């Protein structure tokens, strides 16, 4: 796993494992996370596929809202850590 983003990576792993994604997607994403950590393309793929999951598979509208807040929070935190890392190198 990538060094500085371990917390976001672990949160994303738990999110992927908990939700009803296809087994193929889960295996692909979890292998990528384990090998390389989070990257833009993968996190966008997870988010887009999450948005396509029907509410009945998630449980309720509340479950969907909670899960959407979780994935959005993971993405924002990861992007913030990426930006702060890049900011430090620009000076």
C-alpha atoms as a PDB file:
ATOM      1  CA  UNK A   1       0.000   0.000   0.000  1.00  0.00           C
ATOM      2  CA  UNK A   2       1.176   3.497  -0.720  1.00  0.00           C
ATOM      3  CA  UNK A   3       2.755   5.096   2.291  1.00  0.00           C
ATOM      4  CA  UNK A   4       0.924   8.320   3.042  1.00  0.00           C
ATOM      5  CA  UNK A   5      -2.572   7.296   1.927  1.00  0.00           C
ATOM      6  CA  UNK A   6      -2.925   4.201   4.080  1.00  0.00           C
ATOM      7  CA  UNK A   7      -5.968   5.530   5.990  1.00  0.00           C
ATOM      8  CA  UNK A   8      -7.880   6.411   2.804  1.00  0.00           C
ATOM      9  CA  UNK A   9      -6.834   3.128   1.198  1.00  0.00           C
ATOM     10  CA  UNK A  10      -8.102   1.124   4.178  1.00  0.00           C
ATOM     11  CA  UNK A  11     -11.401   3.049   4.210  1.00  0.00           C
ATOM     12  CA  UNK A  12     -11.852   2.370   0.488  1.00  0.00           C
ATOM     13  CA  UNK A  13     -11.064  -1.340   0.947  1.00  0.00           C
ATOM     14  CA  UNK A  14     -13.761  -1.610   3.640  1.00  0.00           C
ATOM     15  CA  UNK A  15     -16.226   0.314   1.469  1.00  0.00           C
ATOM     16  CA  UNK A  16     -15.610  -1.969  -1.533  1.00  0.00           C
ATOM     17  CA  UNK A  17     -15.853  -5.150   0.562  1.00  0.00           C
ATOM     18  CA  UNK A  18     -19.114  -4.058   2.197  1.00  0.00           C
ATOM     19  CA  UNK A  19     -21.065  -2.998  -0.898  1.00  0.00           C
ATOM     20  CA  UNK A  20     -22.702  -5.216  -3.541  1.00  0.00           C
ATOM     21  CA  UNK A  21     -20.207  -4.673  -6.354  1.00  0.00           C
ATOM     22  CA  UNK A  22     -19.512  -7.540  -8.760  1.00  0.00           C
ATOM     23  CA  UNK A  23     -16.911 -10.039  -7.560  1.00  0.00           C
ATOM     24  CA  UNK A  24     -14.803  -9.230 -10.639  1.00  0.00           C
ATOM     25  CA  UNK A  25     -14.763  -5.503  -9.794  1.00  0.00           C
ATOM     26  CA  UNK A  26     -14.016  -6.204  -6.124  1.00  0.00           C
ATOM     27  CA  UNK A  27     -11.063  -8.467  -6.972  1.00  0.00           C
ATOM     28  CA  UNK A  28      -9.656  -5.961  -9.481  1.00  0.00           C
ATOM     29  CA  UNK A  29      -9.976  -2.966  -7.155  1.00  0.00           C
ATOM     30  CA  UNK A  30      -8.713  -4.758  -4.049  1.00  0.00           C
ATOM     31  CA  UNK A  31      -5.671  -6.076  -5.928  1.00  0.00           C
ATOM     32  CA  UNK A  32      -4.937  -2.567  -7.235  1.00  0.00           C
ATOM     33  CA  UNK A  33      -5.339  -1.039  -3.771  1.00  0.00           C
ATOM     34  CA  UNK A  34      -3.066  -3.642  -2.224  1.00  0.00           C
ATOM     35  CA  UNK A  35      -0.383  -3.196  -4.888  1.00  0.00           C
ATOM     36  CA  UNK A  36      -0.488   0.546  -5.533  1.00  0.00           C
ATOM     37  CA  UNK A  37      -2.955   2.271  -3.226  1.00  0.00           C
ATOM     38  CA  UNK A  38      -5.602   4.692  -4.468  1.00  0.00           C
ATOM     39  CA  UNK A  39      -5.408   6.376  -7.856  1.00  0.00           C
ATOM     40  CA  UNK A  40      -7.748   8.802  -9.646  1.00  0.00           C
ATOM     41  CA  UNK A  41      -8.987   6.376 -12.283  1.00  0.00           C
ATOM     42  CA  UNK A  42      -9.825   3.597  -9.835  1.00  0.00           C
ATOM     43  CA  UNK A  43     -11.563   5.812  -7.275  1.00  0.00           C
ATOM     44  CA  UNK A  44     -13.695   7.357 -10.038  1.00  0.00           C
ATOM     45  CA  UNK A  45     -14.574   3.866 -11.307  1.00  0.00           C
ATOM     46  CA  UNK A  46     -15.649   2.799  -7.792  1.00  0.00           C
ATOM     47  CA  UNK A  47     -17.728   5.971  -7.388  1.00  0.00           C
ATOM     48  CA  UNK A  48     -19.434   5.644 -10.789  1.00  0.00           C
ATOM     49  CA  UNK A  49     -20.279   1.981 -10.226  1.00  0.00           C
ATOM     50  CA  UNK A  50     -21.567   2.809  -6.740  1.00  0.00           C
ATOM     51  CA  UNK A  51     -23.938   5.381  -8.259  1.00  0.00           C
ATOM     52  CA  UNK A  52     -25.343   2.661 -10.558  1.00  0.00           C
ATOM     53  CA  UNK A  53     -26.207   0.285  -7.704  1.00  0.00           C
ATOM     54  CA  UNK A  54     -29.968   0.254  -7.214  1.00  0.00           C
ATOM     55  CA  UNK A  55     -31.369   1.354  -3.857  1.00  0.00           C
ATOM     56  CA  UNK A  56     -32.987  -2.049  -3.291  1.00  0.00           C
ATOM     57  CA  UNK A  57     -29.505  -3.644  -3.305  1.00  0.00           C
ATOM     58  CA  UNK A  58     -28.269  -1.093  -0.758  1.00  0.00           C
ATOM     59  CA  UNK A  59     -31.171  -1.455   1.650  1.00  0.00           C
ATOM     60  CA  UNK A  60     -32.872   1.948   1.734  1.00  0.00           C
ATOM     61  CA  UNK A  61     -32.573   5.569   0.673  1.00  0.00           C
ATOM     62  CA  UNK A  62     -30.865   6.261   3.999  1.00  0.00           C
ATOM     63  CA  UNK A  63     -28.296   3.504   3.334  1.00  0.00           C
ATOM     64  CA  UNK A  64     -27.640   4.953  -0.128  1.00  0.00           C
ATOM     65  CA  UNK A  65     -27.192   8.460   1.313  1.00  0.00           C
ATOM     66  CA  UNK A  66     -24.848   7.198   4.049  1.00  0.00           C
ATOM     67  CA  UNK A  67     -22.774   5.190   1.563  1.00  0.00           C
ATOM     68  CA  UNK A  68     -22.645   8.135  -0.838  1.00  0.00           C
ATOM     69  CA  UNK A  69     -21.390  10.407   1.968  1.00  0.00           C
ATOM     70  CA  UNK A  70     -18.769   7.796   2.823  1.00  0.00           C
ATOM     71  CA  UNK A  71     -17.367   7.406  -0.708  1.00  0.00           C
ATOM     72  CA  UNK A  72     -17.465  11.180  -1.240  1.00  0.00           C
ATOM     73  CA  UNK A  73     -15.570  11.695   2.032  1.00  0.00           C
ATOM     74  CA  UNK A  74     -12.934   9.120   1.069  1.00  0.00           C
ATOM     75  CA  UNK A  75     -12.438  10.805  -2.321  1.00  0.00           C
ATOM     76  CA  UNK A  76     -12.230  14.312  -0.819  1.00  0.00           C
ATOM     77  CA  UNK A  77      -9.757  13.240   1.869  1.00  0.00           C
ATOM     78  CA  UNK A  78      -7.581  11.447  -0.676  1.00  0.00           C
ATOM     79  CA  UNK A  79      -7.584  14.398  -3.070  1.00  0.00           C
ATOM     80  CA  UNK A  80      -6.787  16.768  -0.204  1.00  0.00           C
ATOM     81  CA  UNK A  81      -3.793  14.646   0.809  1.00  0.00           C
ATOM     82  CA  UNK A  82      -2.658  14.507  -2.851  1.00  0.00           C
ATOM     83  CA  UNK A  83      -2.963  18.298  -3.182  1.00  0.00           C
ATOM     84  CA  UNK A  84      -1.076  18.953   0.040  1.00  0.00           C
ATOM     85  CA  UNK A  85       1.684  16.581  -1.070  1.00  0.00           C
ATOM     86  CA  UNK A  86       1.950  18.414  -4.415  1.00  0.00           C
ATOM     87  CA  UNK A  87       1.811  21.808  -2.704  1.00  0.00           C
ATOM     88  CA  UNK A  88       4.832  20.911  -0.601  1.00  0.00           C
ATOM     89  CA  UNK A  89       6.861  20.072  -3.713  1.00  0.00           C
ATOM     90  CA  UNK A  90       5.995  23.280  -5.553  1.00  0.00           C
ATOM     91  CA  UNK A  91       8.057  25.537  -3.304  1.00  0.00           C
END
